[in-house]
Amino acid sequence: MDALYTAVATATHGREGRAVSSDGTLDLALAAPPELGGNGQGTNPEQLFAAGYAACFGSALGLVGRRAKVDVTDAAVTAEVGIGKQGEGFGLKVTLRVELPETVDEATGRKLVEQAHQVCPYSNATRGNIEVDLVIE
């Protein structure tokens, strides 16, 4: 694959540090959530992953919608990223909740969401590695 764009970010001190993008537009404190023993006084990696996945999936949905000539401009994608013990380490699971415009019928919506799941880079990166549930609301 030839990259069309490469994002660069550096994190220091793990979950209790700071994440900064190379261009400085992202610069935020990191903190583990209370559920994982942290103070919750910052963003955590799961929130960053959820935001990125939701935005990317929304773009993929827009792409397949345009190809099918179906207006999904007002769709919203919410990504829920869970972390838990998996074997000796930790694993992730994702639920993508897609809210489609009322003008999109159920069958068309399901087809578009499934197509978006095939073209979304996050979906392609996680396929076979992370459980991803698609929920249409």
C-alpha atoms as a PDB file:
ATOM      1  CA  MET A   1       0.000   0.000   0.000  1.00  0.00           C
ATOM      2  CA  ASP A   2       1.222   3.471  -0.846  1.00  0.00           C
ATOM      3  CA  ALA A   3       0.180   5.842   1.939  1.00  0.00           C
ATOM      4  CA  LEU A   4      -1.731   8.924   0.799  1.00  0.00           C
ATOM      5  CA  TYR A   5      -1.269  10.504   4.228  1.00  0.00           C
ATOM      6  CA  THR A   6       0.635   9.557   7.365  1.00  0.00           C
ATOM      7  CA  ALA A   7      -0.403  10.822  10.778  1.00  0.00           C
ATOM      8  CA  VAL A   8       2.348  11.105  13.358  1.00  0.00           C
ATOM      9  CA  ALA A   9       1.804  11.387  17.101  1.00  0.00           C
ATOM     10  CA  THR A  10       4.003  10.815  20.114  1.00  0.00           C
ATOM     11  CA  ALA A  11       2.814   9.654  23.523  1.00  0.00           C
ATOM     12  CA  THR A  12       4.959   9.951  26.625  1.00  0.00           C
ATOM     13  CA  HIS A  13       4.518   8.191  29.985  1.00  0.00           C
ATOM     14  CA  GLY A  14       1.849   5.790  28.704  1.00  0.00           C
ATOM     15  CA  ARG A  15      -1.663   6.240  30.062  1.00  0.00           C
ATOM     16  CA  GLU A  16      -0.550   8.926  32.516  1.00  0.00           C
ATOM     17  CA  GLY A  17       1.263  11.167  30.081  1.00  0.00           C
ATOM     18  CA  ARG A  18       0.638  13.341  27.069  1.00  0.00           C
ATOM     19  CA  ALA A  19      -0.126  12.753  23.372  1.00  0.00           C
ATOM     20  CA  VAL A  20       0.995  15.280  20.772  1.00  0.00           C
ATOM     21  CA  SER A  21       0.649  15.183  16.985  1.00  0.00           C
ATOM     22  CA  SER A  22       3.599  16.203  14.842  1.00  0.00           C
ATOM     23  CA  ASP A  23       1.781  19.336  13.656  1.00  0.00           C
ATOM     24  CA  GLY A  24       0.699  20.285  17.188  1.00  0.00           C
ATOM     25  CA  THR A  25      -3.042  20.300  16.479  1.00  0.00           C
ATOM     26  CA  LEU A  26      -3.515  17.403  18.900  1.00  0.00           C
ATOM     27  CA  ASP A  27      -1.981  18.038  22.306  1.00  0.00           C
ATOM     28  CA  LEU A  28      -3.707  16.480  25.265  1.00  0.00           C
ATOM     29  CA  ALA A  29      -3.207  14.980  28.663  1.00  0.00           C
ATOM     30  CA  LEU A  30      -3.625  11.235  28.999  1.00  0.00           C
ATOM     31  CA  ALA A  31      -5.001   9.480  32.054  1.00  0.00           C
ATOM     32  CA  ALA A  32      -6.330   6.040  32.763  1.00  0.00           C
ATOM     33  CA  PRO A  33     -10.050   5.956  33.597  1.00  0.00           C
ATOM     34  CA  PRO A  34     -11.046   5.240  37.206  1.00  0.00           C
ATOM     35  CA  GLU A  35     -12.251   1.772  36.113  1.00  0.00           C
ATOM     36  CA  LEU A  36      -8.616   0.943  35.318  1.00  0.00           C
ATOM     37  CA  GLY A  37      -7.206   2.532  38.464  1.00  0.00           C
ATOM     38  CA  GLY A  38      -6.535   5.993  37.073  1.00  0.00           C
ATOM     39  CA  ASN A  39      -7.770   9.418  38.056  1.00  0.00           C
ATOM     40  CA  GLY A  40      -9.691  10.020  34.821  1.00  0.00           C
ATOM     41  CA  GLN A  41      -8.232  13.527  34.519  1.00  0.00           C
ATOM     42  CA  GLY A  42      -7.409  13.174  30.838  1.00  0.00           C
ATOM     43  CA  THR A  43      -8.224  11.364  27.648  1.00  0.00           C
ATOM     44  CA  ASN A  44      -7.454   7.660  27.412  1.00  0.00           C
ATOM     45  CA  PRO A  45      -6.388   5.538  24.430  1.00  0.00           C
ATOM     46  CA  GLU A  46      -9.806   3.889  24.174  1.00  0.00           C
ATOM     47  CA  GLN A  47     -11.503   7.284  23.782  1.00  0.00           C
ATOM     48  CA  LEU A  48      -9.022   8.261  21.079  1.00  0.00           C
ATOM     49  CA  PHE A  49      -9.602   4.966  19.267  1.00  0.00           C
ATOM     50  CA  ALA A  50     -13.388   5.390  19.580  1.00  0.00           C
ATOM     51  CA  ALA A  51     -13.269   8.926  18.163  1.00  0.00           C
ATOM     52  CA  GLY A  52     -11.058   7.883  15.271  1.00  0.00           C
ATOM     53  CA  TYR A  53     -13.107   4.801  14.437  1.00  0.00           C
ATOM     54  CA  ALA A  54     -16.414   6.707  14.600  1.00  0.00           C
ATOM     55  CA  ALA A  55     -15.133   9.470  12.316  1.00  0.00           C
ATOM     56  CA  CYS A  56     -13.537   7.064   9.855  1.00  0.00           C
ATOM     57  CA  PHE A  57     -16.611   4.826   9.719  1.00  0.00           C
ATOM     58  CA  GLY A  58     -18.805   7.875   9.161  1.00  0.00           C
ATOM     59  CA  SER A  59     -16.645   8.859   6.202  1.00  0.00           C
ATOM     60  CA  ALA A  60     -16.817   5.326   4.794  1.00  0.00           C
ATOM     61  CA  LEU A  61     -20.607   5.390   5.174  1.00  0.00           C
ATOM     62  CA  GLY A  62     -20.710   8.688   3.285  1.00  0.00           C
ATOM     63  CA  LEU A  63     -18.610   7.180   0.489  1.00  0.00           C
ATOM     64  CA  VAL A  64     -20.815   4.120   0.016  1.00  0.00           C
ATOM     65  CA  GLY A  65     -23.916   6.292   0.345  1.00  0.00           C
ATOM     66  CA  ARG A  66     -22.740   8.577  -2.471  1.00  0.00           C
ATOM     67  CA  ARG A  67     -21.920   5.565  -4.638  1.00  0.00           C
ATOM     68  CA  ALA A  68     -25.440   4.202  -4.044  1.00  0.00           C
ATOM     69  CA  LYS A  69     -26.994   7.663  -4.482  1.00  0.00           C
ATOM     70  CA  VAL A  70     -28.427   7.530  -0.957  1.00  0.00           C
ATOM     71  CA  ASP A  71     -28.156  10.645   1.214  1.00  0.00           C
ATOM     72  CA  VAL A  72     -26.619   9.690   4.554  1.00  0.00           C
ATOM     73  CA  THR A  73     -25.261  13.173   5.270  1.00  0.00           C
ATOM     74  CA  ASP A  74     -27.066  13.354   8.610  1.00  0.00           C
ATOM     75  CA  ALA A  75     -25.934   9.931   9.829  1.00  0.00           C
ATOM     76  CA  ALA A  76     -24.167   9.714  13.178  1.00  0.00           C
ATOM     77  CA  VAL A  77     -21.736   7.011  14.273  1.00  0.00           C
ATOM     78  CA  THR A  78     -20.989   6.295  17.915  1.00  0.00           C
ATOM     79  CA  ALA A  79     -18.119   3.934  18.673  1.00  0.00           C
ATOM     80  CA  GLU A  80     -17.996   2.164  22.024  1.00  0.00           C
ATOM     81  CA  VAL A  81     -14.556   0.717  22.725  1.00  0.00           C
ATOM     82  CA  GLY A  82     -14.246  -1.696  25.620  1.00  0.00           C
ATOM     83  CA  ILE A  83     -11.031  -2.991  27.141  1.00  0.00           C
ATOM     84  CA  GLY A  84     -10.684  -6.091  29.251  1.00  0.00           C
ATOM     85  CA  LYS A  85      -8.477  -9.011  30.158  1.00  0.00           C
ATOM     86  CA  GLN A  86      -7.684 -11.360  27.302  1.00  0.00           C
ATOM     87  CA  GLY A  87      -5.380 -14.219  28.100  1.00  0.00           C
ATOM     88  CA  GLU A  88      -2.252 -12.860  29.760  1.00  0.00           C
ATOM     89  CA  GLY A  89      -2.848  -9.354  28.416  1.00  0.00           C
ATOM     90  CA  PHE A  90      -5.689  -7.120  27.397  1.00  0.00           C
ATOM     91  CA  GLY A  91      -8.010  -6.983  24.412  1.00  0.00           C
ATOM     92  CA  LEU A  92     -10.501  -4.611  22.875  1.00  0.00           C
ATOM     93  CA  LYS A  93     -14.047  -4.934  21.617  1.00  0.00           C
ATOM     94  CA  VAL A  94     -16.034  -2.387  19.629  1.00  0.00           C
ATOM     95  CA  THR A  95     -19.699  -1.627  19.104  1.00  0.00           C
ATOM     96  CA  LEU A  96     -20.493   0.784  16.276  1.00  0.00           C
ATOM     97  CA  ARG A  97     -23.911   2.381  16.695  1.00  0.00           C
ATOM     98  CA  VAL A  98     -25.057   3.938  13.425  1.00  0.00           C
ATOM     99  CA  GLU A  99     -27.972   6.339  13.439  1.00  0.00           C
ATOM    100  CA  LEU A 100     -29.240   6.753   9.895  1.00  0.00           C
ATOM    101  CA  PRO A 101     -31.533   9.463   8.559  1.00  0.00           C
ATOM    102  CA  GLU A 102     -35.238   8.563   8.691  1.00  0.00           C
ATOM    103  CA  THR A 103     -35.332   8.720   4.887  1.00  0.00           C
ATOM    104  CA  VAL A 104     -33.181   5.562   4.650  1.00  0.00           C
ATOM    105  CA  ASP A 105     -35.174   2.335   4.870  1.00  0.00           C
ATOM    106  CA  GLU A 106     -33.960  -0.513   7.062  1.00  0.00           C
ATOM    107  CA  ALA A 107     -32.763  -2.835   4.271  1.00  0.00           C
ATOM    108  CA  THR A 108     -30.860  -0.085   2.461  1.00  0.00           C
ATOM    109  CA  GLY A 109     -29.374   1.116   5.731  1.00  0.00           C
ATOM    110  CA  ARG A 110     -28.165  -2.364   6.676  1.00  0.00           C
ATOM    111  CA  LYS A 111     -26.597  -2.800   3.232  1.00  0.00           C
ATOM    112  CA  LEU A 112     -24.805   0.569   3.411  1.00  0.00           C
ATOM    113  CA  VAL A 113     -23.499  -0.076   6.936  1.00  0.00           C
ATOM    114  CA  GLU A 114     -22.172  -3.491   5.912  1.00  0.00           C
ATOM    115  CA  GLN A 115     -20.525  -1.964   2.819  1.00  0.00           C
ATOM    116  CA  ALA A 116     -18.987   0.784   4.957  1.00  0.00           C
ATOM    117  CA  HIS A 117     -17.591  -1.923   7.234  1.00  0.00           C
ATOM    118  CA  GLN A 118     -15.814  -3.410   4.201  1.00  0.00           C
ATOM    119  CA  VAL A 119     -14.176  -0.143   3.079  1.00  0.00           C
ATOM    120  CA  CYS A 120     -13.433   1.580   6.406  1.00  0.00           C
ATOM    121  CA  PRO A 121      -9.681   1.448   7.170  1.00  0.00           C
ATOM    122  CA  TYR A 122     -10.345   0.927  10.893  1.00  0.00           C
ATOM    123  CA  SER A 123     -12.675  -1.978  10.128  1.00  0.00           C
ATOM    124  CA  ASN A 124     -10.082  -3.478   7.816  1.00  0.00           C
ATOM    125  CA  ALA A 125      -7.356  -3.060  10.444  1.00  0.00           C
ATOM    126  CA  THR A 126      -9.417  -4.692  13.198  1.00  0.00           C
ATOM    127  CA  ARG A 127     -11.083  -7.472  11.181  1.00  0.00           C
ATOM    128  CA  GLY A 128     -10.209 -10.837  12.686  1.00  0.00           C
ATOM    129  CA  ASN A 129      -8.454  -9.186  15.656  1.00  0.00           C
ATOM    130  CA  ILE A 130     -11.196  -7.338  17.511  1.00  0.00           C
ATOM    131  CA  GLU A 131     -14.862  -8.201  17.938  1.00  0.00           C
ATOM    132  CA  VAL A 132     -16.863  -5.466  16.164  1.00  0.00           C
ATOM    133  CA  ASP A 133     -20.645  -5.349  16.473  1.00  0.00           C
ATOM    134  CA  LEU A 134     -22.669  -3.199  14.053  1.00  0.00           C
ATOM    135  CA  VAL A 135     -25.894  -1.762  15.469  1.00  0.00           C
ATOM    136  CA  ILE A 136     -28.278   0.319  13.381  1.00  0.00           C
ATOM    137  CA  GLU A 137     -30.466   2.624  15.409  1.00  0.00           C
END
